[in-house]
C-alpha cells in the first residue's frame, strides 16, 4: 500500500482524545461537540455501531475490510463529504488493519477525520503505539489527518494516543487514578475532574484553554 502524499508541516495538530467511563458520554461527545464539521470526509472504526449519522449526514457502513476499503477509496477520490464506517470485531489486528489502510489515504492538502471507537477492547497495550496507529498519532498532522480516539481509561491505550492529542474531552472518570492521569495532561486538578457527572465534561482545546459543559441527553 502507498504512503500518504503532500506532507505539510504548517498544518495544525488537532488530534482529539475522548475519555470517560461507561455512560460518561464519549460517543455523544464525538456527535455533539462539533469538532467534525458537516463538510468533512470521515472514516470510522465502529465495532458497536455507535454512529448512524454524524454532523447531520448518514454513516454508510461496511462489515468487511475489503468492501470498506473499496468504498472509502472511491469516496476519497471525490471532493464531497462522506461518512464511511467499518463495523468488525474490536481486535488489535482489525484496528491496526483499519489504521494501515487509512494511512494510505493521507494527503497534506485534503483533510481526513479518523474516528477510532472501542480502543480499550482492542487490547493495544499502554506503551508506545505501534505501526500505522503510531504513524497516525505522530505523523498524521502533516498529512492532514485529525484522529478522534475514544476510550474509557488512559491506561488501556498506548500512551502515544493521549500525548499526541492536542485536544482532550474529559468526561466522568471511574477512579481517582484515572482522574490523576488526565490531570497531568490538561490544566485541571484531580478534585475538579472528580466532580463530573455523566454527560458533564471538561474540554481542553489546542490552545490549552479549558471549558466545562454538559452534553444534551441523547434521544432514545
Protein backbone atom coordinates (compact mmCIF):
# COMPACT_ATOMS: atom_id res chain seq x y z
CA UNK A 1 0.00 0.00 0.00
CA UNK A 2 1.16 3.50 -0.78
CA UNK A 3 2.37 6.17 1.61
CA UNK A 4 0.40 9.41 2.12
CA UNK A 5 1.27 12.35 -0.11
CA UNK A 6 1.93 16.11 0.08
CA UNK A 7 3.41 16.46 3.59
CA UNK A 8 2.74 19.91 5.05
CA UNK A 9 4.40 20.78 8.34
CA UNK A 10 2.39 24.02 8.58
CA UNK A 11 -0.81 22.13 9.40
CA UNK A 12 -2.16 22.30 12.94
CA UNK A 13 -2.17 19.30 15.27
CA UNK A 14 -5.83 18.72 16.13
CA UNK A 15 -5.90 15.08 17.25
CA UNK A 16 -8.56 14.62 19.93
CA UNK A 17 -8.99 12.14 22.78
CA UNK A 18 -12.43 11.45 24.28
CA UNK A 19 -12.04 9.82 27.69
CA UNK A 20 -14.80 8.79 30.10
CA UNK A 21 -16.10 5.78 31.97
CA UNK A 22 -19.04 3.74 30.63
CA UNK A 23 -22.06 6.01 30.24
CA UNK A 24 -19.94 9.14 30.51
CA UNK A 25 -20.83 10.34 27.01
CA UNK A 26 -17.73 9.66 24.88
CA UNK A 27 -19.52 8.78 21.64
CA UNK A 28 -22.07 11.52 22.25
CA UNK A 29 -19.18 13.96 22.54
CA UNK A 30 -17.99 12.97 19.07
CA UNK A 31 -21.53 13.61 17.84
CA UNK A 32 -22.24 16.81 19.73
CA UNK A 33 -19.02 18.79 20.16
CA UNK A 34 -18.91 20.00 16.55
CA UNK A 35 -15.27 19.03 16.06
CA UNK A 36 -16.17 17.21 12.85
CA UNK A 37 -17.85 19.77 10.55
CA UNK A 38 -20.59 18.73 8.14
CA UNK A 39 -18.36 19.32 5.09
CA UNK A 40 -15.84 16.67 6.19
CA UNK A 41 -14.57 13.34 4.95
CA UNK A 42 -14.68 10.82 7.79
CA UNK A 43 -13.64 7.20 8.30
CA UNK A 44 -14.87 5.37 11.39
CA UNK A 45 -13.75 2.20 13.13
CA UNK A 46 -17.11 1.49 14.74
CA UNK A 47 -17.44 -2.10 16.04
CA UNK A 48 -20.52 -1.42 18.18
CA UNK A 49 -22.41 0.59 15.53
CA UNK A 50 -22.48 3.70 17.71
CA UNK A 51 -22.85 6.07 14.76
CA UNK A 52 -25.80 6.17 12.38
CA UNK A 53 -25.45 9.83 11.48
CA UNK A 54 -22.61 12.27 12.12
CA UNK A 55 -22.84 16.03 11.67
CA UNK A 56 -26.22 15.54 10.07
CA UNK A 57 -25.06 13.08 7.41
CA UNK A 58 -25.75 9.36 7.18
CA UNK A 59 -22.97 6.95 8.09
CA UNK A 60 -22.52 4.29 5.41
CA UNK A 61 -21.47 1.02 7.00
CA UNK A 62 -19.48 -1.98 5.81
CA UNK A 63 -18.93 -5.27 7.62
CA UNK A 64 -15.75 -6.49 5.98
CA UNK A 65 -12.47 -4.73 5.37
CA UNK A 66 -12.37 -5.22 1.61
CA UNK A 67 -15.79 -3.67 0.96
CA UNK A 68 -14.96 -0.82 3.32
CA UNK A 69 -11.66 -0.13 1.55
CA UNK A 70 -13.26 -0.08 -1.91
CA UNK A 71 -15.97 2.34 -0.78
CA UNK A 72 -13.52 4.60 1.02
CA UNK A 73 -11.10 4.78 -1.92
CA UNK A 74 -13.90 5.69 -4.31
CA UNK A 75 -15.25 8.35 -1.95
CA UNK A 76 -11.80 9.79 -1.25
CA UNK A 77 -11.24 10.46 -4.95
CA UNK A 78 -14.09 12.94 -4.84
CA UNK A 79 -14.27 16.27 -3.04
CA UNK A 80 -17.67 15.58 -1.47
CA UNK A 81 -18.08 14.89 2.23
CA UNK A 82 -18.67 11.32 3.38
CA UNK A 83 -19.06 9.15 6.48
CA UNK A 84 -17.85 5.57 5.98
CA UNK A 85 -17.66 3.11 8.87
CA UNK A 86 -16.10 -0.31 9.29
CA UNK A 87 -18.07 -2.49 11.68
CA UNK A 88 -16.00 -5.51 12.54
CA UNK A 89 -14.85 -7.29 15.69
CA UNK A 90 -12.92 -4.99 18.04
CA UNK A 91 -9.49 -6.65 17.98
CA UNK A 92 -5.99 -5.26 17.77
CA UNK A 93 -5.48 -6.90 14.39
CA UNK A 94 -8.64 -5.36 12.93
CA UNK A 95 -7.98 -1.88 14.31
CA UNK A 96 -4.40 -1.94 13.05
CA UNK A 97 -5.57 -3.05 9.60
CA UNK A 98 -8.06 -0.17 9.58
CA UNK A 99 -5.31 2.29 10.55
CA UNK A 100 -2.92 0.90 7.94
CA UNK A 101 -5.50 1.47 5.23
CA UNK A 102 -6.48 4.93 6.49
CA UNK A 103 -2.80 5.91 6.44
CA UNK A 104 -2.63 5.30 2.68
CA UNK A 105 -5.34 7.92 2.08
CA UNK A 106 -3.42 10.77 3.71
CA UNK A 107 -2.94 13.95 1.69
CA UNK A 108 -1.46 17.13 3.14
CA UNK A 109 -3.95 19.19 1.15
CA UNK A 110 -7.16 17.24 1.91
CA UNK A 111 -8.35 16.83 5.48
CA UNK A 112 -9.45 13.37 6.64
CA UNK A 113 -11.05 12.71 10.04
CA UNK A 114 -10.48 9.24 11.51
CA UNK A 115 -12.66 8.06 14.42
CA UNK A 116 -11.43 5.11 16.48
CA UNK A 117 -14.02 3.56 18.79
CA UNK A 118 -13.64 0.66 21.27
CA UNK A 119 -9.88 1.19 21.55
CA UNK A 120 -9.63 -0.32 25.02
CA UNK A 121 -11.37 -3.51 23.88
CA UNK A 122 -8.72 -3.95 21.20
CA UNK A 123 -6.05 -4.57 23.88
CA UNK A 124 -3.41 -2.32 22.34
CA UNK A 125 -1.28 -2.10 25.48
CA UNK A 126 -0.19 1.01 27.37
CA UNK A 127 3.29 1.52 25.90
CA UNK A 128 4.22 3.25 22.67
CA UNK A 129 1.70 2.93 19.84
CA UNK A 130 2.68 0.53 17.08
CA UNK A 131 2.59 0.51 13.30
CA UNK A 132 0.09 2.65 11.45
CA UNK A 133 -1.60 3.79 14.66
CA UNK A 134 1.70 5.31 15.74
CA UNK A 135 2.09 6.96 12.33
CA UNK A 136 -1.38 8.46 12.55
CA UNK A 137 -0.68 9.79 16.05
CA UNK A 138 2.82 11.15 15.46
CA UNK A 139 2.96 11.99 11.76
CA UNK A 140 -0.71 12.30 10.84
CA UNK A 141 -0.85 16.06 11.33
CA UNK A 142 1.36 16.86 8.35
CA UNK A 143 -0.76 14.63 6.10
CA UNK A 144 -3.97 16.39 7.17
CA UNK A 145 -5.34 13.70 9.45
CA UNK A 146 -7.37 14.51 12.55
CA UNK A 147 -7.57 11.46 14.78
CA UNK A 148 -10.53 11.11 17.15
CA UNK A 149 -9.64 8.45 19.74
CA UNK A 150 -12.42 7.19 22.02
CA UNK A 151 -11.63 5.16 25.14
CA UNK A 152 -12.55 4.64 28.79
CA UNK A 153 -9.23 4.81 30.60
CA UNK A 154 -5.88 6.31 29.54
CA UNK A 155 -4.06 3.28 30.93
CA UNK A 156 -5.87 0.99 28.47
CA UNK A 157 -4.44 2.52 25.30
CA UNK A 158 -0.92 3.38 24.12
CA UNK A 159 0.44 6.45 25.87
CA UNK A 160 1.19 7.93 22.44
CA UNK A 161 -2.53 8.42 21.81
CA UNK A 162 -3.06 10.88 24.65
CA UNK A 163 0.36 12.53 24.45
CA UNK A 164 -0.25 13.38 20.77
CA UNK A 165 -3.80 14.65 21.34
CA UNK A 166 -3.77 18.45 21.31
CA UNK A 167 -7.45 18.43 22.25
CA UNK A 168 -8.88 16.42 25.14
CA UNK A 169 -12.53 15.82 26.02
CA UNK A 170 -12.72 14.51 29.58
CA UNK A 171 -15.96 13.09 30.94
CA UNK A 172 -16.73 11.31 34.21
CA UNK A 173 -13.84 9.11 35.34
CA UNK A 174 -14.13 5.76 37.08
CA UNK A 175 -11.28 6.14 39.60
CA UNK A 176 -9.06 8.76 41.20
CA UNK A 177 -6.12 7.18 39.37
CA UNK A 178 -7.82 7.84 36.03
CA UNK A 179 -8.53 11.44 37.06
CA UNK A 180 -4.91 11.91 38.12
CA UNK A 181 -3.60 10.55 34.83
CA UNK A 182 -5.68 13.05 32.87
CA UNK A 183 -4.93 15.93 35.22
CA UNK A 184 -1.26 15.50 34.33
CA UNK A 185 -2.14 16.17 30.67
CA UNK A 186 -4.52 19.13 30.99
CA UNK A 187 -4.71 22.12 33.32
CA UNK A 188 -7.14 20.64 35.86
CA UNK A 189 -6.92 19.20 39.34
CA UNK A 190 -7.99 15.70 40.29
CA UNK A 191 -10.68 17.23 42.50
CA UNK A 192 -12.14 19.19 39.58
CA UNK A 193 -12.31 16.10 37.38
CA UNK A 194 -13.93 14.05 40.14
CA UNK A 195 -16.87 16.48 40.30
CA UNK A 196 -18.04 15.43 36.81
CA UNK A 197 -21.35 13.59 36.47
CA UNK A 198 -22.49 11.58 33.41
CA UNK A 199 -22.63 13.79 30.27
CA UNK A 200 -20.71 16.59 32.00
CA UNK A 201 -17.24 17.32 30.68
CA UNK A 202 -14.13 19.43 30.59
CA UNK A 203 -12.78 20.22 27.14
CA UNK A 204 -9.20 21.37 26.60
CA UNK A 205 -8.68 22.85 23.14
CA UNK A 206 -5.50 23.05 21.07
CA UNK A 207 -4.52 26.30 22.80
CA UNK A 208 -4.80 24.71 26.24
CA UNK A 209 -7.95 26.66 27.12
CA UNK A 210 -10.31 24.56 29.27
CA UNK A 211 -14.07 24.93 29.47
CA UNK A 212 -16.74 23.00 31.35
CA UNK A 213 -20.01 21.93 29.79
CA UNK A 214 -22.74 19.32 29.56
CA UNK A 215 -23.88 17.27 26.59
CA UNK A 216 -27.51 17.00 25.58
CA UNK A 217 -29.27 13.86 26.72
CA UNK A 218 -29.37 11.56 23.67
CA UNK A 219 -32.72 10.66 22.20
CA UNK A 220 -33.93 7.10 22.68
